[in-house]
Amino acid sequence: MDPTVIDLSRLQFALTALYHFLFVPLTLGLSFMLFIMESVYVMTGRQVWRQVTRFWGKIFGINFVLGVATGLTMEFQFGTNWSYFSHYAGDIFGAPLAIEGLMAFFLEATFVGLMFFGWDRLSKLGHLIVTFMVALGTNLSALWILIANGWMQNPVGATFNPETMRMEVSDFSVVLFNPVAQAKFVHTVSAGYVIASVLVLGVSAFWLLKGRWVPVARRSMTVAAAFGLASSLSVVVLGDESGYALTDNQKMKLAAIEAAWHTSPAPAGLTIFGVPSMATHETRYEVKVPWVLGLIATRSLSGTVTGMSELVLQAQERIGSGQIAYAAVQTLKANPNDLTARAAFEAHKRDMGYALLLKRYVADPAAATPAQVEKAAWDTVPSVPLLFWSFRVMAAIGFAMIALFAIAFALCSLRMHLNARWFLKLAVIAIPLPWISTELGWVVAEMGRQPWAIDGVLPTFLASSSLTPAALLTTIAGFTLLYGALAVVEVRLILATIRHGPVEHEVEADASIDAPTVSQPLVA
């Protein structure tokens, strides 16, 4: 396979995936925030809460449309750009995506229309139930997609069939309850809740700075402060759980994130700062906090975090084992009844994917030289500097979000947020930060899996379709122009909606009570 085709295919999928994920987390978070806001309206009957819910429902609707449009493009790419991946693992990977479409997407698509157009046609409770169903469908959609992605990170519940030359499901319940998938789901969804909370907080702060729509703004900020604090704390706690899952399932990714070139004595220290080098296999200017990495990764003082050099040696051993499995498969293709070959395959099938790494250097993995085996083993090390810094920036933003929402919650609880202009300005400035963090999170998740399309099973360079660089460059340019135009449209629509404000219905008693007491100092 032409390396240029592989690189361009990866670039195209990365661009569309990162673009798609600009919209998904906001949809996840806003859906449940709408349910919370509308629940208050149903319980209190105060019209201002209806106004709050309807305004943020508009932002949800604009974002929802773009999320659906960009998501469909991504799914088609599995057939157009990654056809061998789809052939090799379609039985497992396709099932969660099909369930997502049948169960989750149709659920939210069915109820989203009722949510927007049923305000005056449904009872208060009936409309609240509809809003909850939209939120449920949105989050179920994320669940099934992350089950599929989690299987790529940790391919459990499936086995290779030498007769069909494909991966097949052996236990779907194991696929469903994959620990990596479950950890990714709760962590990703919590990150979406933080994004939605920061947007609501920032827009509310902007209105308060301008002294506009104060009743709506202060209530929106209160909900965002409480929901955001709980979500930001969850992100850190669940992120820690995701890191713990790497200790057993993706040791190379964990070592690369920490720039751990060699196994350190237990308990390992956490590197706060350093300059990792792929050329020298060392990290210069390290600043470490003793014991912390060992506690996070192993939940003990005695567990060790295996370094990349030791993991490369293990990869060499697995490549040797995989060569035996690969040779047995070739024999079984010619004679399916060869019992010796069948026994050899069963004994070494877990490592066959490692033998496939050799196909980058030699057509027949069984004929690889020791030097080629060593080179293929080092290919299992991802881009350490990229993972090292992406993770640290992501984590730093995560802790900054906790601080932001803790301050917001304290100010709202003490009713001091209306006049704390320094904090209102900070909340506006902070709006883009969680998006940056989540995009970096996906960089860590996906680049950390390389060189695998399916970890330990199928190398990325074998998974793509037979395309030409010209075709890929054309589609990349087309997607860039189309998505760029859609991004401009969405941003303009959201900004116009924010400028227009929640003016569908005048706020009655709440506005008359709140406005004189809070708007004057804000305007002044």
Protein backbone atom coordinates (compact mmCIF):
# COMPACT_ATOMS: atom_id res chain seq x y z
CA MET A 1 0.00 0.00 0.00
CA ASP A 2 1.25 3.47 -0.95
CA PRO A 3 2.27 5.25 2.29
CA THR A 4 0.91 8.50 0.86
CA VAL A 5 -2.53 6.93 0.54
CA ILE A 6 -2.38 5.77 4.16
CA ASP A 7 -1.31 9.17 5.43
CA LEU A 8 -3.94 11.04 3.41
CA SER A 9 -6.67 8.59 4.47
CA ARG A 10 -5.71 9.12 8.10
CA LEU A 11 -5.59 12.88 7.62
CA GLN A 12 -9.04 12.95 6.05
CA PHE A 13 -10.59 10.86 8.81
CA ALA A 14 -8.83 12.89 11.49
CA LEU A 15 -10.09 16.17 10.04
CA THR A 16 -13.69 14.96 9.76
CA ALA A 17 -13.61 13.31 13.21
CA LEU A 18 -12.20 16.35 14.99
CA TYR A 19 -14.64 18.60 13.17
CA HIS A 20 -17.57 16.34 14.05
CA PHE A 21 -16.54 16.37 17.68
CA LEU A 22 -16.89 20.13 17.83
CA PHE A 23 -20.67 19.59 17.82
CA VAL A 24 -21.23 16.26 19.57
CA PRO A 25 -20.19 17.19 23.13
CA LEU A 26 -22.28 20.37 23.11
CA THR A 27 -25.30 18.32 22.04
CA LEU A 28 -24.67 15.78 24.80
CA GLY A 29 -24.41 18.41 27.51
CA LEU A 30 -27.14 20.79 26.39
CA SER A 31 -29.68 17.99 26.11
CA PHE A 32 -29.57 17.22 29.84
CA MET A 33 -29.24 20.88 30.79
CA LEU A 34 -32.47 21.51 28.88
CA PHE A 35 -34.11 18.73 30.87
CA ILE A 36 -32.94 20.31 34.15
CA MET A 37 -34.13 23.77 33.14
CA GLU A 38 -37.50 22.51 31.97
CA SER A 39 -37.91 20.43 35.14
CA VAL A 40 -37.65 23.64 37.16
CA TYR A 41 -40.28 25.22 34.89
CA VAL A 42 -42.65 22.28 35.36
CA MET A 43 -42.20 22.28 39.14
CA THR A 44 -42.47 26.05 39.64
CA GLY A 45 -44.66 27.13 36.73
CA ARG A 46 -42.58 30.32 36.39
CA GLN A 47 -42.52 31.56 32.81
CA VAL A 48 -38.93 32.73 33.00
CA TRP A 49 -37.79 29.09 33.17
CA ARG A 50 -39.78 28.31 30.03
CA GLN A 51 -37.98 31.20 28.37
CA VAL A 52 -34.60 29.89 29.58
CA THR A 53 -35.34 26.42 28.23
CA ARG A 54 -36.59 27.61 24.87
CA PHE A 55 -33.59 29.84 24.26
CA TRP A 56 -31.01 27.15 24.96
CA GLY A 57 -33.17 24.77 22.95
CA LYS A 58 -32.49 26.97 19.91
CA ILE A 59 -28.72 26.65 20.42
CA PHE A 60 -29.17 22.89 20.84
CA GLY A 61 -31.14 22.69 17.59
CA ILE A 62 -28.56 24.58 15.53
CA ASN A 63 -25.79 22.40 16.90
CA PHE A 64 -27.80 19.17 16.54
CA VAL A 65 -28.22 19.62 12.78
CA LEU A 66 -24.49 20.10 12.19
CA GLY A 67 -23.64 17.13 14.40
CA VAL A 68 -25.90 14.81 12.40
CA ALA A 69 -24.60 16.06 9.04
CA THR A 70 -20.94 15.60 9.93
CA GLY A 71 -21.51 12.26 11.65
CA LEU A 72 -23.01 10.68 8.54
CA THR A 73 -19.91 11.59 6.55
CA MET A 74 -17.69 9.80 9.03
CA GLU A 75 -19.64 6.56 8.86
CA PHE A 76 -19.50 6.51 5.06
CA GLN A 77 -15.71 6.76 5.23
CA PHE A 78 -15.47 3.29 6.70
CA GLY A 79 -16.70 1.97 3.37
CA THR A 80 -14.93 4.43 1.07
CA ASN A 81 -11.55 4.97 2.73
CA TRP A 82 -11.20 1.98 5.08
CA SER A 83 -12.79 -0.86 3.14
CA TYR A 84 -10.40 -3.58 4.30
CA PHE A 85 -10.98 -2.57 7.91
CA SER A 86 -14.73 -2.85 7.28
CA HIS A 87 -14.28 -6.26 5.64
CA TYR A 88 -11.93 -7.54 8.34
CA ALA A 89 -13.89 -6.40 11.40
CA GLY A 90 -17.31 -5.41 10.09
CA ASP A 91 -19.11 -8.17 12.01
CA ILE A 92 -18.03 -6.64 15.33
CA PHE A 93 -17.56 -2.97 14.55
CA GLY A 94 -20.73 -2.67 12.48
CA ALA A 95 -23.08 -4.06 15.14
CA PRO A 96 -22.82 -1.16 17.64
CA LEU A 97 -23.10 1.38 14.81
CA ALA A 98 -26.23 -0.34 13.50
CA ILE A 99 -27.76 -0.42 16.99
CA GLU A 100 -26.88 3.25 17.40
CA GLY A 101 -28.84 4.09 14.27
CA LEU A 102 -31.83 1.89 15.08
CA MET A 103 -32.10 2.57 18.81
CA ALA A 104 -30.50 5.89 19.64
CA PHE A 105 -30.54 8.06 16.53
CA PHE A 106 -34.14 7.21 15.59
CA LEU A 107 -35.15 7.81 19.22
CA GLU A 108 -33.70 11.31 19.37
CA ALA A 109 -34.75 12.12 15.78
CA THR A 110 -38.33 11.12 16.58
CA PHE A 111 -38.61 13.20 19.73
CA VAL A 112 -36.54 16.22 18.71
CA GLY A 113 -39.34 17.50 16.47
CA LEU A 114 -41.85 17.15 19.29
CA MET A 115 -39.47 19.01 21.58
CA PHE A 116 -39.22 22.01 19.26
CA PHE A 117 -42.81 22.19 18.01
CA GLY A 118 -44.76 20.67 20.89
CA TRP A 119 -44.58 23.46 23.44
CA ASP A 120 -48.18 24.54 22.87
CA ARG A 121 -49.47 21.10 21.85
CA LEU A 122 -48.32 18.99 24.78
CA SER A 123 -48.87 19.30 28.51
CA LYS A 124 -45.98 20.56 30.63
CA LEU A 125 -45.22 17.08 31.88
CA GLY A 126 -45.62 15.57 28.42
CA HIS A 127 -43.16 18.03 26.91
CA LEU A 128 -40.71 17.39 29.76
CA ILE A 129 -40.84 13.66 29.00
CA VAL A 130 -40.13 14.43 25.35
CA THR A 131 -37.11 16.53 26.33
CA PHE A 132 -35.83 13.69 28.50
CA MET A 133 -36.20 11.23 25.60
CA VAL A 134 -34.14 13.52 23.38
CA ALA A 135 -31.43 13.68 26.05
CA LEU A 136 -31.56 9.91 26.53
CA GLY A 137 -31.32 9.26 22.79
CA THR A 138 -28.41 11.65 22.40
CA ASN A 139 -26.42 9.98 25.15
CA LEU A 140 -27.31 6.45 24.02
CA SER A 141 -26.00 7.41 20.60
CA ALA A 142 -22.67 8.29 22.19
CA LEU A 143 -22.68 5.03 24.14
CA TRP A 144 -22.94 2.78 21.08
CA ILE A 145 -20.40 4.77 19.08
CA LEU A 146 -17.93 4.60 21.95
CA ILE A 147 -18.54 0.87 22.35
CA ALA A 148 -17.41 0.53 18.72
CA ASN A 149 -14.41 2.79 19.29
CA GLY A 150 -13.59 1.07 22.58
CA TRP A 151 -13.44 -2.27 20.77
CA MET A 152 -10.84 -0.81 18.40
CA GLN A 153 -8.82 0.17 21.48
CA ASN A 154 -9.33 -3.16 23.28
CA PRO A 155 -10.62 -5.87 20.88
CA VAL A 156 -12.30 -8.29 23.28
CA GLY A 157 -15.16 -10.72 22.63
CA ALA A 158 -13.98 -11.53 19.10
CA THR A 159 -11.69 -14.02 17.40
CA PHE A 160 -10.05 -14.49 14.00
CA ASN A 161 -11.57 -17.18 11.78
CA PRO A 162 -8.95 -18.63 9.39
CA GLU A 163 -11.69 -20.03 7.15
CA THR A 164 -13.27 -16.63 6.42
CA MET A 165 -10.08 -14.60 7.09
CA ARG A 166 -12.10 -12.17 9.19
CA MET A 167 -12.68 -11.23 12.81
CA GLU A 168 -15.96 -12.59 14.19
CA VAL A 169 -17.93 -12.03 17.39
CA SER A 170 -17.39 -14.72 20.00
CA ASP A 171 -19.22 -13.01 22.92
CA PHE A 172 -21.16 -9.80 22.28
CA SER A 173 -21.71 -9.22 26.00
CA VAL A 174 -17.94 -8.90 26.40
CA VAL A 175 -17.88 -6.36 23.56
CA LEU A 176 -20.72 -4.47 25.21
CA PHE A 177 -19.13 -4.37 28.68
CA ASN A 178 -15.60 -3.74 27.46
CA PRO A 179 -13.94 -1.82 30.34
CA VAL A 180 -12.16 0.54 27.94
CA ALA A 181 -15.43 1.38 26.17
CA GLN A 182 -17.29 1.98 29.41
CA ALA A 183 -14.51 4.23 30.76
CA LYS A 184 -14.38 6.17 27.50
CA PHE A 185 -18.15 6.66 27.49
CA VAL A 186 -18.49 8.16 30.94
CA HIS A 187 -15.37 10.28 30.49
CA THR A 188 -16.43 11.57 27.06
CA VAL A 189 -20.00 12.30 28.11
CA SER A 190 -18.80 14.18 31.18
CA ALA A 191 -16.52 16.26 28.97
CA GLY A 192 -19.56 17.11 26.84
CA TYR A 193 -21.41 18.25 29.94
CA VAL A 194 -18.50 20.56 30.79
CA ILE A 195 -18.51 22.06 27.29
CA ALA A 196 -22.23 22.82 27.47
CA SER A 197 -21.87 24.27 30.96
CA VAL A 198 -19.02 26.57 29.90
CA LEU A 199 -21.01 27.84 26.92
CA VAL A 200 -24.09 28.56 29.05
CA LEU A 201 -21.92 30.13 31.74
CA GLY A 202 -20.00 32.28 29.25
CA VAL A 203 -23.03 33.52 27.32
CA SER A 204 -24.86 34.28 30.57
CA ALA A 205 -21.82 36.22 31.78
CA PHE A 206 -21.75 38.17 28.52
CA TRP A 207 -25.39 39.16 28.96
CA LEU A 208 -24.79 40.18 32.55
CA LEU A 209 -21.84 42.33 31.51
CA LYS A 210 -24.09 44.05 29.01
CA GLY A 211 -27.01 44.27 31.46
CA ARG A 212 -29.32 42.43 29.03
CA TRP A 213 -31.87 39.67 29.73
CA VAL A 214 -30.71 39.55 33.32
CA PRO A 215 -33.48 37.24 34.66
CA VAL A 216 -32.65 34.61 32.04
CA ALA A 217 -28.90 35.12 32.36
CA ARG A 218 -28.68 34.75 36.12
CA ARG A 219 -30.81 31.59 36.15
CA SER A 220 -28.85 30.08 33.27
CA MET A 221 -25.61 30.85 35.09
CA THR A 222 -26.85 29.20 38.27
CA VAL A 223 -27.71 25.98 36.43
CA ALA A 224 -24.40 26.05 34.53
CA ALA A 225 -22.39 26.60 37.72
CA ALA A 226 -23.90 23.61 39.54
CA PHE A 227 -24.03 21.29 36.52
CA GLY A 228 -20.55 22.33 35.40
CA LEU A 229 -18.94 21.79 38.82
CA ALA A 230 -20.35 18.27 39.07
CA SER A 231 -19.34 17.53 35.46
CA SER A 232 -15.80 18.92 35.73
CA LEU A 233 -15.16 16.88 38.87
CA SER A 234 -16.54 13.82 37.07
CA VAL A 235 -14.22 14.39 34.12
CA VAL A 236 -11.14 14.26 36.35
CA VAL A 237 -12.34 11.27 38.37
CA LEU A 238 -13.45 9.32 35.30
CA GLY A 239 -10.32 10.36 33.42
CA ASP A 240 -8.33 8.79 36.22
CA GLU A 241 -10.40 5.62 35.75
CA SER A 242 -9.61 5.70 32.02
CA GLY A 243 -5.92 5.95 32.86
CA TYR A 244 -6.21 2.98 35.19
CA ALA A 245 -7.81 0.97 32.37
CA LEU A 246 -4.74 1.66 30.20
CA THR A 247 -2.53 -0.13 32.73
CA ASP A 248 -4.02 -3.48 31.78
CA ASN A 249 -5.18 -2.89 28.21
CA GLN A 250 -2.97 -0.29 26.51
CA LYS A 251 0.37 -0.23 28.26
CA MET A 252 2.21 1.35 25.34
CA LYS A 253 -0.21 4.27 25.20
CA LEU A 254 0.20 4.87 28.94
CA ALA A 255 4.00 4.73 28.68
CA ALA A 256 3.98 7.16 25.74
CA ILE A 257 1.69 9.60 27.56
CA GLU A 258 4.14 9.63 30.47
CA ALA A 259 7.28 9.51 28.25
CA ALA A 260 8.34 6.45 30.28
CA TRP A 261 11.12 5.02 28.10
CA HIS A 262 12.17 2.53 30.77
CA THR A 263 10.42 0.77 33.63
CA SER A 264 10.98 2.70 36.86
CA PRO A 265 11.07 1.18 40.35
CA ALA A 266 7.68 1.18 42.05
CA PRO A 267 5.98 3.49 42.73
CA ALA A 268 6.74 5.50 39.57
CA GLY A 269 6.80 9.29 39.62
CA LEU A 270 4.55 11.46 37.47
CA THR A 271 6.41 13.65 34.95
CA ILE A 272 5.02 17.18 35.09
CA PHE A 273 7.43 18.62 32.55
CA GLY A 274 9.93 17.17 30.13
CA VAL A 275 11.17 17.17 26.54
CA PRO A 276 10.78 13.65 25.08
CA SER A 277 12.91 12.72 22.07
CA MET A 278 11.96 10.02 19.59
CA ALA A 279 15.53 10.03 18.27
CA THR A 280 17.40 9.38 21.50
CA HIS A 281 14.62 7.58 23.40
CA GLU A 282 15.02 9.79 26.43
CA THR A 283 13.21 12.66 28.13
CA ARG A 284 15.32 15.67 29.02
CA TYR A 285 14.66 18.28 31.71
CA GLU A 286 12.25 16.01 33.57
CA VAL A 287 10.35 17.39 36.53
CA LYS A 288 8.67 14.55 38.44
CA VAL A 289 6.30 14.22 41.35
CA PRO A 290 7.29 11.03 43.26
CA TRP A 291 4.87 8.10 43.56
CA VAL A 292 1.93 9.78 41.80
CA LEU A 293 2.02 7.82 38.52
CA GLY A 294 2.28 4.52 40.38
CA LEU A 295 -0.72 5.40 42.52
CA ILE A 296 -2.79 6.51 39.51
CA ALA A 297 -1.84 3.68 37.17
CA THR A 298 -1.73 0.72 39.55
CA ARG A 299 -3.68 1.92 42.62
CA SER A 300 -0.77 0.69 44.75
CA LEU A 301 2.74 1.48 45.94
CA SER A 302 4.13 -1.80 44.63
CA GLY A 303 2.83 -1.92 41.05
CA THR A 304 5.13 -0.89 38.19
CA VAL A 305 4.44 1.02 34.98
CA THR A 306 6.21 -0.80 32.15
CA GLY A 307 8.47 1.40 30.03
CA MET A 308 8.44 1.59 26.25
CA SER A 309 11.81 -0.15 25.81
CA GLU A 310 10.57 -3.19 27.71
CA LEU A 311 7.27 -3.12 25.80
CA VAL A 312 9.21 -3.11 22.52
CA LEU A 313 11.02 -6.26 23.63
CA GLN A 314 7.65 -7.83 24.41
CA ALA A 315 6.43 -6.77 20.95
CA GLN A 316 9.40 -8.56 19.38
CA GLU A 317 8.43 -11.74 21.18
CA ARG A 318 4.83 -11.35 20.05
CA ILE A 319 5.93 -10.77 16.47
CA GLY A 320 7.83 -14.07 16.61
CA SER A 321 4.76 -15.81 17.97
CA GLY A 322 2.60 -14.11 15.31
CA GLN A 323 4.87 -15.37 12.54
CA ILE A 324 4.01 -18.92 13.61
CA ALA A 325 0.28 -18.10 13.56
CA TYR A 326 0.59 -16.41 10.13
CA ALA A 327 2.40 -19.41 8.64
CA ALA A 328 -0.26 -21.72 10.09
CA VAL A 329 -3.02 -19.67 8.46
CA GLN A 330 -1.31 -19.94 5.08
CA THR A 331 -1.19 -23.71 5.53
CA LEU A 332 -4.85 -23.86 6.57
CA LYS A 333 -5.87 -21.88 3.49
CA ALA A 334 -4.39 -24.65 1.35
CA ASN A 335 -5.48 -27.53 3.60
CA PRO A 336 -8.18 -26.70 6.18
CA ASN A 337 -7.87 -30.22 7.65
CA ASP A 338 -4.19 -29.91 8.63
CA LEU A 339 -4.37 -30.64 12.36
CA THR A 340 -0.77 -29.59 13.05
CA ALA A 341 -1.33 -26.18 11.47
CA ARG A 342 -4.63 -25.85 13.32
CA ALA A 343 -2.94 -26.54 16.65
CA ALA A 344 -0.14 -24.06 15.88
CA PHE A 345 -2.67 -21.39 14.96
CA GLU A 346 -4.73 -21.89 18.11
CA ALA A 347 -1.61 -21.66 20.25
CA HIS A 348 -0.36 -18.40 18.66
CA LYS A 349 -3.46 -16.71 17.16
CA ARG A 350 -3.48 -13.98 19.82
CA ASP A 351 -0.28 -12.57 18.30
CA MET A 352 -1.01 -12.84 14.58
CA GLY A 353 -1.68 -9.11 14.31
CA TYR A 354 1.89 -8.42 15.40
CA ALA A 355 3.19 -10.48 12.47
CA LEU A 356 1.15 -8.27 10.15
CA LEU A 357 3.32 -5.31 11.23
CA LEU A 358 6.10 -6.91 9.18
CA LYS A 359 4.14 -6.42 5.96
CA ARG A 360 5.36 -2.82 5.95
CA TYR A 361 8.84 -4.23 5.21
CA VAL A 362 8.37 -7.67 3.65
CA ALA A 363 5.57 -9.41 1.72
CA ASP A 364 5.87 -12.66 3.69
CA PRO A 365 6.21 -12.07 7.46
CA ALA A 366 7.75 -15.52 7.86
CA ALA A 367 10.71 -14.36 5.76
CA ALA A 368 11.47 -11.26 7.85
CA THR A 369 15.00 -10.68 9.10
CA PRO A 370 15.80 -9.99 12.79
CA ALA A 371 16.47 -6.35 11.88
CA GLN A 372 13.03 -6.06 10.28
CA VAL A 373 11.43 -7.67 13.33
CA GLU A 374 13.16 -5.15 15.60
CA LYS A 375 12.12 -2.25 13.37
CA ALA A 376 8.49 -3.45 13.34
CA ALA A 377 8.58 -3.75 17.12
CA TRP A 378 9.67 -0.11 17.46
CA ASP A 379 6.77 0.85 15.17
CA THR A 380 4.49 0.04 18.10
CA VAL A 381 5.73 3.21 19.85
CA PRO A 382 3.40 6.12 18.95
CA SER A 383 4.44 9.79 18.73
CA VAL A 384 5.61 10.36 22.30
CA PRO A 385 6.02 14.17 22.20
CA LEU A 386 2.54 14.60 20.71
CA LEU A 387 0.88 12.38 23.33
CA PHE A 388 2.98 13.77 26.20
CA TRP A 389 2.04 17.41 25.60
CA SER A 390 -1.51 16.83 24.38
CA PHE A 391 -2.32 14.99 27.59
CA ARG A 392 -0.79 17.66 29.80
CA VAL A 393 -2.57 20.54 28.13
CA MET A 394 -5.83 18.57 28.29
CA ALA A 395 -5.34 17.83 31.99
CA ALA A 396 -4.38 21.42 32.79
CA ILE A 397 -7.57 22.69 31.17
CA GLY A 398 -9.56 20.08 33.07
CA PHE A 399 -8.29 21.34 36.42
CA ALA A 400 -8.84 24.93 35.30
CA MET A 401 -12.48 24.06 34.61
CA ILE A 402 -12.89 22.75 38.15
CA ALA A 403 -11.55 26.03 39.50
CA LEU A 404 -13.79 28.05 37.18
CA PHE A 405 -16.97 26.24 38.18
CA ALA A 406 -16.04 26.14 41.86
CA ILE A 407 -15.76 29.94 41.82
CA ALA A 408 -18.98 30.21 39.79
CA PHE A 409 -20.84 27.95 42.22
CA ALA A 410 -19.57 29.90 45.24
CA LEU A 411 -20.49 33.26 43.71
CA CYS A 412 -23.94 32.06 42.65
CA SER A 413 -24.60 30.53 46.07
CA LEU A 414 -23.66 33.82 47.75
CA ARG A 415 -25.56 35.83 45.10
CA MET A 416 -22.39 37.74 44.30
CA HIS A 417 -22.07 36.71 40.66
CA LEU A 418 -24.15 39.60 39.33
CA ASN A 419 -21.59 42.23 40.28
CA ALA A 420 -18.35 40.21 40.03
CA ARG A 421 -17.34 41.67 36.68
CA TRP A 422 -13.86 40.16 36.83
CA PHE A 423 -15.39 36.70 36.96
CA LEU A 424 -17.93 37.45 34.23
CA LYS A 425 -15.10 38.47 31.89
CA LEU A 426 -13.17 35.32 32.85
CA ALA A 427 -16.21 33.14 32.07
CA VAL A 428 -16.49 34.65 28.57
CA ILE A 429 -12.78 34.15 27.87
CA ALA A 430 -12.97 30.51 29.03
CA ILE A 431 -15.59 29.45 26.44
CA PRO A 432 -13.15 27.85 23.93
CA LEU A 433 -11.01 26.03 26.51
CA PRO A 434 -13.05 22.82 26.99
CA TRP A 435 -13.32 22.36 23.22
CA ILE A 436 -9.53 22.50 22.99
CA SER A 437 -9.30 19.97 25.81
CA THR A 438 -11.70 17.47 24.23
CA GLU A 439 -10.04 17.70 20.82
CA LEU A 440 -6.69 16.98 22.49
CA GLY A 441 -8.34 14.10 24.31
CA TRP A 442 -9.23 12.50 21.00
CA VAL A 443 -5.70 13.09 19.74
CA VAL A 444 -4.41 11.18 22.77
CA ALA A 445 -6.94 8.37 22.33
CA GLU A 446 -6.47 7.85 18.60
CA MET A 447 -2.79 8.69 18.11
CA GLY A 448 -1.98 6.64 21.19
CA ARG A 449 -3.43 3.56 19.48
CA GLN A 450 -1.10 3.82 16.49
CA PRO A 451 0.22 1.94 14.57
CA TRP A 452 -2.99 -0.05 15.01
CA ALA A 453 -6.41 0.39 13.43
CA ILE A 454 -7.49 -2.36 15.84
CA ASP A 455 -5.09 -2.59 18.75
CA GLY A 456 -2.87 -5.65 18.40
CA VAL A 457 -5.00 -7.07 15.59
CA LEU A 458 -4.86 -4.99 12.38
CA PRO A 459 -2.18 -2.39 11.53
CA THR A 460 -3.47 0.91 10.17
CA PHE A 461 -1.44 0.65 6.96
CA LEU A 462 -3.30 -2.55 6.02
CA ALA A 463 -6.80 -1.21 6.77
CA SER A 464 -7.34 1.36 4.04
CA SER A 465 -8.97 1.21 0.63
CA SER A 466 -7.16 1.15 -2.72
CA LEU A 467 -7.45 4.83 -3.54
CA THR A 468 -5.21 7.31 -5.31
CA PRO A 469 -3.56 10.33 -3.68
CA ALA A 470 -5.36 12.57 -6.19
CA ALA A 471 -8.77 11.23 -5.15
CA LEU A 472 -7.97 11.71 -1.48
CA LEU A 473 -6.60 15.22 -1.96
CA THR A 474 -9.74 16.13 -3.90
CA THR A 475 -12.07 14.85 -1.18
CA ILE A 476 -9.98 16.48 1.57
CA ALA A 477 -10.21 19.82 -0.24
CA GLY A 478 -13.95 19.30 -0.77
CA PHE A 479 -14.59 18.43 2.89
CA THR A 480 -12.47 21.36 4.04
CA LEU A 481 -14.43 23.83 1.92
CA LEU A 482 -17.81 22.32 2.81
CA TYR A 483 -17.11 22.01 6.52
CA GLY A 484 -15.52 25.44 6.61
CA ALA A 485 -18.68 26.93 5.10
CA LEU A 486 -20.88 24.99 7.53
CA ALA A 487 -18.76 26.17 10.46
CA VAL A 488 -19.19 29.78 9.38
CA VAL A 489 -22.94 29.27 9.04
CA GLU A 490 -23.27 27.67 12.47
CA VAL A 491 -21.16 30.25 14.27
CA ARG A 492 -23.07 33.08 12.63
CA LEU A 493 -26.41 31.48 13.53
CA ILE A 494 -25.38 30.93 17.15
CA LEU A 495 -23.97 34.45 17.51
CA ALA A 496 -27.10 35.92 15.93
CA THR A 497 -29.26 33.90 18.31
CA ILE A 498 -27.23 35.10 21.30
CA ARG A 499 -27.44 38.72 20.15
CA HIS A 500 -31.18 38.38 19.54
CA GLY A 501 -31.61 36.89 22.98
CA PRO A 502 -34.60 35.13 24.54
CA VAL A 503 -37.24 37.58 23.33
CA GLU A 504 -40.02 35.26 22.13
CA HIS A 505 -42.15 36.03 25.17
CA GLU A 506 -41.79 38.81 27.67
CA VAL A 507 -40.86 37.64 31.12
CA GLU A 508 -43.72 38.56 33.35
CA ALA A 509 -43.51 38.67 37.14
CA ASP A 510 -39.93 37.41 37.32
CA ALA A 511 -38.57 40.15 35.10
CA SER A 512 -40.36 42.91 36.93
CA ILE A 513 -39.00 41.67 40.24
CA ASP A 514 -35.42 40.98 39.15
CA ALA A 515 -34.59 43.72 36.70
CA PRO A 516 -34.61 46.79 39.00
CA THR A 517 -32.36 45.13 41.58
CA VAL A 518 -29.62 43.77 39.32
CA SER A 519 -29.57 45.61 36.02
CA GLN A 520 -28.69 49.04 37.38
CA PRO A 521 -25.27 48.16 38.83
CA LEU A 522 -24.45 46.08 35.76
CA VAL A 523 -25.26 48.91 33.38
CA ALA A 524 -23.35 51.32 35.57
